[in-house]
Amino acid sequence: MADDQHAYVRVAHASPDAPAVDVFVNDKAVLEGVEFGTVSGYLELDPGEYTFAVAPAGEGRGAAVLEASAAVSAARFYTVAAIGTLDQIEAAVLEDNVSRVRAVHFAPDAPAVDVAVCDGPVLFEGVEFGEATDYVSVQPGSYDLEVRVSESGDRVAVFEDIAVAPATTYSAFAVGTVAGDPPFRLQVEADEPHE
């Protein structure tokens, strides 16, 4: 599970005519025999500057065909990819921190609702009972959310300190009843694990 002290880096082999490769981080082999199309799990690294190198599998660090340096920060997620054809291979370093969330309306006695950040933008509008919205991208952080009746704009509930981790996909389930037994609540669940 991710924490706030480490950076997380995964490697993608996206060079279609390149052989299987070994991946080195600061000259240390971290992945071996990575085939085209592979996206590794996230590697846990201390924050700092790193050199990532890719060499044909089994040929050692000295045979690297690609090197890229990147600074990585705590509690951030990155993808380092080998892209292009072998004769023009290059590295792409992406920050993966944007997360996604959708709303799922499972409260049977609630009307269509809007979900908004308190004193901020509306994330979802007119969500009907039994409906799941499309995913929207959000920045990681902690959010206070409010649920409003779509037709009137009246606030139904406020949910404070909803945590959104980096590079994670969530469903926010509206469950319970407006009548209060069991009470109406927002249950936020991760759809995709980090690892």
C-alpha atoms as a PDB file:
ATOM      1  CA  MET A   1       0.000   0.000   0.000  1.00  0.00           C
ATOM      2  CA  ALA A   2       1.236   3.477  -0.822  1.00  0.00           C
ATOM      3  CA  ASP A   3       2.536   5.786   1.879  1.00  0.00           C
ATOM      4  CA  ASP A   4       3.662   9.418   2.037  1.00  0.00           C
ATOM      5  CA  GLN A   5       7.394   8.660   2.393  1.00  0.00           C
ATOM      6  CA  HIS A   6       8.089   6.872  -0.883  1.00  0.00           C
ATOM      7  CA  ALA A   7       7.840   7.505  -4.600  1.00  0.00           C
ATOM      8  CA  TYR A   8       6.356   4.827  -6.859  1.00  0.00           C
ATOM      9  CA  VAL A   9       7.707   4.076 -10.331  1.00  0.00           C
ATOM     10  CA  ARG A  10       6.556   1.483 -12.838  1.00  0.00           C
ATOM     11  CA  VAL A  11       8.216   0.563 -16.117  1.00  0.00           C
ATOM     12  CA  ALA A  12       6.505   0.060 -19.480  1.00  0.00           C
ATOM     13  CA  HIS A  13       8.106  -1.699 -22.484  1.00  0.00           C
ATOM     14  CA  ALA A  14       6.410  -0.074 -25.486  1.00  0.00           C
ATOM     15  CA  SER A  15       9.074  -0.466 -28.169  1.00  0.00           C
ATOM     16  CA  PRO A  16       7.456  -2.912 -30.600  1.00  0.00           C
ATOM     17  CA  ASP A  17      10.594  -4.265 -32.248  1.00  0.00           C
ATOM     18  CA  ALA A  18      12.840  -4.288 -29.176  1.00  0.00           C
ATOM     19  CA  PRO A  19      13.750  -7.591 -27.531  1.00  0.00           C
ATOM     20  CA  ALA A  20      13.044  -8.440 -23.906  1.00  0.00           C
ATOM     21  CA  VAL A  21      14.989  -6.089 -21.648  1.00  0.00           C
ATOM     22  CA  ASP A  22      16.439  -5.781 -18.184  1.00  0.00           C
ATOM     23  CA  VAL A  23      15.766  -2.546 -16.314  1.00  0.00           C
ATOM     24  CA  PHE A  24      18.309  -0.844 -14.060  1.00  0.00           C
ATOM     25  CA  VAL A  25      17.748   1.887 -11.496  1.00  0.00           C
ATOM     26  CA  ASN A  26      21.015   3.661 -10.595  1.00  0.00           C
ATOM     27  CA  ASP A  27      22.942   0.673 -12.009  1.00  0.00           C
ATOM     28  CA  LYS A  28      21.002  -1.898  -9.947  1.00  0.00           C
ATOM     29  CA  ALA A  29      18.946  -4.471 -11.862  1.00  0.00           C
ATOM     30  CA  VAL A  30      15.324  -4.193 -10.734  1.00  0.00           C
ATOM     31  CA  LEU A  31      13.456  -6.039 -13.498  1.00  0.00           C
ATOM     32  CA  GLU A  32      14.646  -8.818 -15.796  1.00  0.00           C
ATOM     33  CA  GLY A  33      13.331 -10.228 -19.056  1.00  0.00           C
ATOM     34  CA  VAL A  34      10.645  -7.572 -19.539  1.00  0.00           C
ATOM     35  CA  GLU A  35       8.800  -8.305 -22.793  1.00  0.00           C
ATOM     36  CA  PHE A  36       7.159  -5.819 -25.179  1.00  0.00           C
ATOM     37  CA  GLY A  37       3.739  -4.776 -23.887  1.00  0.00           C
ATOM     38  CA  THR A  38       4.608  -5.321 -20.229  1.00  0.00           C
ATOM     39  CA  VAL A  39       3.762  -2.670 -17.645  1.00  0.00           C
ATOM     40  CA  SER A  40       5.359  -3.577 -14.324  1.00  0.00           C
ATOM     41  CA  GLY A  41       3.912  -3.073 -10.892  1.00  0.00           C
ATOM     42  CA  TYR A  42       5.021   0.032  -9.018  1.00  0.00           C
ATOM     43  CA  LEU A  43       8.517  -0.061  -7.524  1.00  0.00           C
ATOM     44  CA  GLU A  44       8.909   1.706  -4.172  1.00  0.00           C
ATOM     45  CA  LEU A  45      11.765   4.252  -4.211  1.00  0.00           C
ATOM     46  CA  ASP A  46      13.024   6.908  -1.846  1.00  0.00           C
ATOM     47  CA  PRO A  47      12.390  10.413  -3.205  1.00  0.00           C
ATOM     48  CA  GLY A  48      15.299  11.761  -5.249  1.00  0.00           C
ATOM     49  CA  GLU A  49      17.014  11.740  -8.637  1.00  0.00           C
ATOM     50  CA  TYR A  50      17.393   8.416 -10.440  1.00  0.00           C
ATOM     51  CA  THR A  51      18.879   7.122 -13.664  1.00  0.00           C
ATOM     52  CA  PHE A  52      16.788   4.462 -15.381  1.00  0.00           C
ATOM     53  CA  ALA A  53      18.518   2.283 -17.973  1.00  0.00           C
ATOM     54  CA  VAL A  54      17.266  -0.433 -20.313  1.00  0.00           C
ATOM     55  CA  ALA A  55      19.506  -3.140 -21.784  1.00  0.00           C
ATOM     56  CA  PRO A  56      18.767  -6.272 -23.816  1.00  0.00           C
ATOM     57  CA  ALA A  57      17.952  -9.084 -21.397  1.00  0.00           C
ATOM     58  CA  GLY A  58      21.014 -10.820 -19.998  1.00  0.00           C
ATOM     59  CA  GLU A  59      23.577  -8.403 -21.496  1.00  0.00           C
ATOM     60  CA  GLY A  60      24.180  -6.287 -18.396  1.00  0.00           C
ATOM     61  CA  ARG A  61      24.068  -2.600 -17.565  1.00  0.00           C
ATOM     62  CA  GLY A  62      26.924  -1.771 -19.952  1.00  0.00           C
ATOM     63  CA  ALA A  63      24.780  -2.773 -22.937  1.00  0.00           C
ATOM     64  CA  ALA A  64      22.082  -0.176 -22.182  1.00  0.00           C
ATOM     65  CA  VAL A  65      20.339   1.163 -25.277  1.00  0.00           C
ATOM     66  CA  LEU A  66      18.381   3.758 -23.357  1.00  0.00           C
ATOM     67  CA  GLU A  67      18.915   5.936 -20.287  1.00  0.00           C
ATOM     68  CA  ALA A  68      16.692   8.531 -18.660  1.00  0.00           C
ATOM     69  CA  SER A  69      17.117  10.586 -15.526  1.00  0.00           C
ATOM     70  CA  ALA A  70      14.175  11.766 -13.486  1.00  0.00           C
ATOM     71  CA  ALA A  71      13.491  13.249 -10.087  1.00  0.00           C
ATOM     72  CA  VAL A  72      10.716  11.502  -8.162  1.00  0.00           C
ATOM     73  CA  SER A  73       8.838  12.881  -5.182  1.00  0.00           C
ATOM     74  CA  ALA A  74       7.248  11.276  -2.146  1.00  0.00           C
ATOM     75  CA  ALA A  75       3.636  10.123  -2.481  1.00  0.00           C
ATOM     76  CA  ARG A  76       3.798  10.462  -6.275  1.00  0.00           C
ATOM     77  CA  PHE A  77       3.413   7.813  -8.972  1.00  0.00           C
ATOM     78  CA  TYR A  78       5.346   7.657 -12.252  1.00  0.00           C
ATOM     79  CA  THR A  79       5.618   5.587 -15.402  1.00  0.00           C
ATOM     80  CA  VAL A  80       8.986   5.316 -17.176  1.00  0.00           C
ATOM     81  CA  ALA A  81       8.470   3.893 -20.666  1.00  0.00           C
ATOM     82  CA  ALA A  82      10.691   2.780 -23.522  1.00  0.00           C
ATOM     83  CA  ILE A  83       8.903   4.037 -26.649  1.00  0.00           C
ATOM     84  CA  GLY A  84       9.506   4.136 -30.391  1.00  0.00           C
ATOM     85  CA  THR A  85      11.200   1.612 -32.629  1.00  0.00           C
ATOM     86  CA  LEU A  86      14.588   0.229 -31.684  1.00  0.00           C
ATOM     87  CA  ASP A  87      16.466   2.460 -34.163  1.00  0.00           C
ATOM     88  CA  GLN A  88      14.840   5.557 -32.605  1.00  0.00           C
ATOM     89  CA  ILE A  89      14.093   4.333 -29.087  1.00  0.00           C
ATOM     90  CA  GLU A  90      13.514   6.977 -26.455  1.00  0.00           C
ATOM     91  CA  ALA A  91      12.226   7.314 -22.906  1.00  0.00           C
ATOM     92  CA  ALA A  92       8.985   8.850 -21.745  1.00  0.00           C
ATOM     93  CA  VAL A  93       8.556   9.769 -18.088  1.00  0.00           C
ATOM     94  CA  LEU A  94       4.967  10.372 -17.027  1.00  0.00           C
ATOM     95  CA  GLU A  95       3.485  11.401 -13.714  1.00  0.00           C
ATOM     96  CA  ASP A  96       0.529   9.145 -12.929  1.00  0.00           C
ATOM     97  CA  ASN A  97      -0.996  11.088 -10.072  1.00  0.00           C
ATOM     98  CA  VAL A  98      -4.379  11.947 -11.492  1.00  0.00           C
ATOM     99  CA  SER A  99      -7.068   9.765  -9.925  1.00  0.00           C
ATOM    100  CA  ARG A 100     -10.552   8.950 -11.168  1.00  0.00           C
ATOM    101  CA  VAL A 101     -13.870   8.766  -9.391  1.00  0.00           C
ATOM    102  CA  ARG A 102     -17.459   7.982 -10.334  1.00  0.00           C
ATOM    103  CA  ALA A 103     -20.727   8.296  -8.423  1.00  0.00           C
ATOM    104  CA  VAL A 104     -23.080   5.352  -7.969  1.00  0.00           C
ATOM    105  CA  HIS A 105     -26.618   6.096  -6.695  1.00  0.00           C
ATOM    106  CA  PHE A 106     -27.920   3.162  -4.621  1.00  0.00           C
ATOM    107  CA  ALA A 107     -30.177   5.050  -2.150  1.00  0.00           C
ATOM    108  CA  PRO A 108     -33.711   3.923  -3.068  1.00  0.00           C
ATOM    109  CA  ASP A 109     -35.658   6.814  -1.512  1.00  0.00           C
ATOM    110  CA  ALA A 110     -33.366   9.591  -2.751  1.00  0.00           C
ATOM    111  CA  PRO A 111     -34.261  11.651  -5.834  1.00  0.00           C
ATOM    112  CA  ALA A 112     -31.795  12.472  -8.591  1.00  0.00           C
ATOM    113  CA  VAL A 113     -28.769  14.150  -7.004  1.00  0.00           C
ATOM    114  CA  ASP A 114     -25.774  16.315  -7.825  1.00  0.00           C
ATOM    115  CA  VAL A 115     -22.437  15.694  -6.134  1.00  0.00           C
ATOM    116  CA  ALA A 116     -20.161  18.705  -5.654  1.00  0.00           C
ATOM    117  CA  VAL A 117     -17.016  19.719  -3.842  1.00  0.00           C
ATOM    118  CA  CYS A 118     -18.095  21.984  -0.960  1.00  0.00           C
ATOM    119  CA  ASP A 119     -17.529  25.558  -2.165  1.00  0.00           C
ATOM    120  CA  GLY A 120     -16.207  24.088  -5.406  1.00  0.00           C
ATOM    121  CA  PRO A 121     -17.186  22.510  -8.701  1.00  0.00           C
ATOM    122  CA  VAL A 122     -20.035  20.102  -9.328  1.00  0.00           C
ATOM    123  CA  LEU A 123     -18.547  16.705 -10.166  1.00  0.00           C
ATOM    124  CA  PHE A 124     -21.753  14.903 -11.155  1.00  0.00           C
ATOM    125  CA  GLU A 125     -25.209  16.190 -12.101  1.00  0.00           C
ATOM    126  CA  GLY A 126     -28.603  14.491 -12.144  1.00  0.00           C
ATOM    127  CA  VAL A 127     -27.512  11.066 -10.925  1.00  0.00           C
ATOM    128  CA  GLU A 128     -30.614   8.854 -10.745  1.00  0.00           C
ATOM    129  CA  PHE A 129     -31.228   5.861  -8.456  1.00  0.00           C
ATOM    130  CA  GLY A 130     -29.485   2.760  -9.863  1.00  0.00           C
ATOM    131  CA  GLU A 131     -27.199   4.833 -12.102  1.00  0.00           C
ATOM    132  CA  ALA A 132     -23.402   4.859 -12.214  1.00  0.00           C
ATOM    133  CA  THR A 133     -21.774   7.914 -13.777  1.00  0.00           C
ATOM    134  CA  ASP A 134     -18.760   7.999 -16.044  1.00  0.00           C
ATOM    135  CA  TYR A 135     -15.418   8.503 -14.303  1.00  0.00           C
ATOM    136  CA  VAL A 136     -14.000  12.004 -13.909  1.00  0.00           C
ATOM    137  CA  SER A 137     -10.367  12.879 -13.228  1.00  0.00           C
ATOM    138  CA  VAL A 138      -9.472  14.527  -9.929  1.00  0.00           C
ATOM    139  CA  GLN A 139      -6.255  15.516  -8.221  1.00  0.00           C
ATOM    140  CA  PRO A 140      -5.239  13.481  -5.165  1.00  0.00           C
ATOM    141  CA  GLY A 141      -6.068  15.053  -1.824  1.00  0.00           C
ATOM    142  CA  SER A 142      -8.791  15.341   0.779  1.00  0.00           C
ATOM    143  CA  TYR A 143     -12.219  16.623  -0.226  1.00  0.00           C
ATOM    144  CA  ASP A 144     -15.397  17.749   1.501  1.00  0.00           C
ATOM    145  CA  LEU A 145     -18.312  16.691  -0.705  1.00  0.00           C
ATOM    146  CA  GLU A 146     -21.964  17.622  -0.659  1.00  0.00           C
ATOM    147  CA  VAL A 147     -24.926  15.824  -2.164  1.00  0.00           C
ATOM    148  CA  ARG A 148     -27.757  18.029  -3.421  1.00  0.00           C
ATOM    149  CA  VAL A 149     -31.215  17.330  -4.793  1.00  0.00           C
ATOM    150  CA  SER A 150     -30.807  17.989  -8.523  1.00  0.00           C
ATOM    151  CA  GLU A 151     -34.193  19.634  -8.994  1.00  0.00           C
ATOM    152  CA  SER A 152     -34.083  22.065  -6.049  1.00  0.00           C
ATOM    153  CA  GLY A 153     -30.395  22.342  -5.212  1.00  0.00           C
ATOM    154  CA  ASP A 154     -31.197  21.571  -1.552  1.00  0.00           C
ATOM    155  CA  ARG A 155     -28.296  19.999   0.314  1.00  0.00           C
ATOM    156  CA  VAL A 156     -29.014  16.407   1.390  1.00  0.00           C
ATOM    157  CA  ALA A 157     -25.724  15.621   3.123  1.00  0.00           C
ATOM    158  CA  VAL A 158     -22.112  16.683   3.567  1.00  0.00           C
ATOM    159  CA  PHE A 159     -19.262  14.199   3.750  1.00  0.00           C
ATOM    160  CA  GLU A 160     -15.968  15.551   5.059  1.00  0.00           C
ATOM    161  CA  ASP A 161     -12.388  14.474   4.533  1.00  0.00           C
ATOM    162  CA  ILE A 162     -12.928  12.065   1.651  1.00  0.00           C
ATOM    163  CA  ALA A 163      -9.379  10.887   0.876  1.00  0.00           C
ATOM    164  CA  VAL A 164      -8.336  10.406  -2.752  1.00  0.00           C
ATOM    165  CA  ALA A 165      -4.984   8.654  -3.133  1.00  0.00           C
ATOM    166  CA  PRO A 166      -2.760   9.198  -6.171  1.00  0.00           C
ATOM    167  CA  ALA A 167      -3.263   7.102  -9.293  1.00  0.00           C
ATOM    168  CA  THR A 168      -6.319   5.292  -7.955  1.00  0.00           C
ATOM    169  CA  THR A 169      -9.809   4.756  -9.335  1.00  0.00           C
ATOM    170  CA  TYR A 170     -12.787   5.016  -6.999  1.00  0.00           C
ATOM    171  CA  SER A 171     -16.519   4.463  -6.888  1.00  0.00           C
ATOM    172  CA  ALA A 172     -18.452   6.671  -4.468  1.00  0.00           C
ATOM    173  CA  PHE A 173     -21.576   4.706  -3.533  1.00  0.00           C
ATOM    174  CA  ALA A 174     -24.567   6.607  -2.152  1.00  0.00           C
ATOM    175  CA  VAL A 175     -26.213   4.012   0.097  1.00  0.00           C
ATOM    176  CA  GLY A 176     -28.750   3.888   2.921  1.00  0.00           C
ATOM    177  CA  THR A 177     -31.932   5.924   2.986  1.00  0.00           C
ATOM    178  CA  VAL A 178     -32.763   9.594   3.208  1.00  0.00           C
ATOM    179  CA  ALA A 179     -35.405   8.587   5.774  1.00  0.00           C
ATOM    180  CA  GLY A 180     -32.489   7.534   7.980  1.00  0.00           C
ATOM    181  CA  ASP A 181     -32.815   3.797   8.664  1.00  0.00           C
ATOM    182  CA  PRO A 182     -30.119   2.870   7.804  1.00  0.00           C
ATOM    183  CA  PRO A 183     -28.729   6.388   7.422  1.00  0.00           C
ATOM    184  CA  PHE A 184     -27.779   7.846   4.047  1.00  0.00           C
ATOM    185  CA  ARG A 185     -24.011   7.790   3.543  1.00  0.00           C
ATOM    186  CA  LEU A 186     -21.301   7.981   0.912  1.00  0.00           C
ATOM    187  CA  GLN A 187     -19.158   4.856   0.818  1.00  0.00           C
ATOM    188  CA  VAL A 188     -15.970   5.383  -1.205  1.00  0.00           C
ATOM    189  CA  GLU A 189     -14.219   2.256  -2.430  1.00  0.00           C
ATOM    190  CA  ALA A 190     -11.074   1.854  -4.555  1.00  0.00           C
ATOM    191  CA  ASP A 191     -11.811   0.078  -7.834  1.00  0.00           C
ATOM    192  CA  GLU A 192      -8.166  -0.567  -8.652  1.00  0.00           C
ATOM    193  CA  PRO A 193      -5.399  -1.418  -6.211  1.00  0.00           C
ATOM    194  CA  HIS A 194      -2.086   0.428  -6.456  1.00  0.00           C
ATOM    195  CA  GLU A 195      -0.111  -2.774  -6.680  1.00  0.00           C
END
